[in-house]
């Protein structure tokens, strides 16, 4: 029971970490696109 709780906890944490990473990646892409658009003008 304790083991399965640890597995659930670590799985959930890694899932949340993955979501945060994905969010940062999208922000980086937006900043990159804005930078290019600004340089083109």
Protein backbone atom coordinates (compact mmCIF):
# COMPACT_ATOMS: atom_id res chain seq x y z
CA UNK A 1 0.00 0.00 0.00
CA UNK A 2 2.80 2.39 0.93
CA UNK A 3 4.69 1.50 -2.25
CA UNK A 4 1.70 2.17 -4.50
CA UNK A 5 1.16 5.53 -2.77
CA UNK A 6 4.78 6.46 -3.48
CA UNK A 7 4.37 5.44 -7.11
CA UNK A 8 1.17 7.48 -7.44
CA UNK A 9 2.84 10.47 -5.79
CA UNK A 10 5.95 10.36 -7.97
CA UNK A 11 3.89 9.81 -11.11
CA UNK A 12 1.70 12.78 -10.25
CA UNK A 13 4.73 14.96 -9.51
CA UNK A 14 6.43 14.06 -12.78
CA UNK A 15 3.17 14.71 -14.64
CA UNK A 16 2.88 18.16 -13.04
CA UNK A 17 6.54 18.87 -13.79
CA UNK A 18 5.93 17.91 -17.42
CA UNK A 19 2.97 20.31 -17.61
CA UNK A 20 5.07 23.14 -16.18
CA UNK A 21 7.85 22.40 -18.68
CA UNK A 22 5.36 22.42 -21.55
CA UNK A 23 4.00 25.77 -20.37
CA UNK A 24 7.52 27.26 -20.26
CA UNK A 25 8.24 25.87 -23.73
CA UNK A 26 5.13 27.59 -25.13
CA UNK A 27 6.13 30.88 -23.45
CA UNK A 28 9.62 30.57 -24.95
CA UNK A 29 8.11 29.98 -28.40
CA UNK A 30 5.91 33.08 -28.07
CA UNK A 31 8.87 35.19 -26.98
CA UNK A 32 10.92 33.81 -29.87
CA UNK A 33 8.18 34.61 -32.39
CA UNK A 34 7.74 38.12 -30.97
CA UNK A 35 11.49 38.68 -31.14
CA UNK A 36 11.57 37.66 -34.82
CA UNK A 37 8.53 39.80 -35.63
CA UNK A 38 10.20 42.76 -33.89
CA UNK A 39 13.48 42.23 -35.76
CA UNK A 40 11.69 42.00 -39.12
CA UNK A 41 10.09 45.44 -38.75
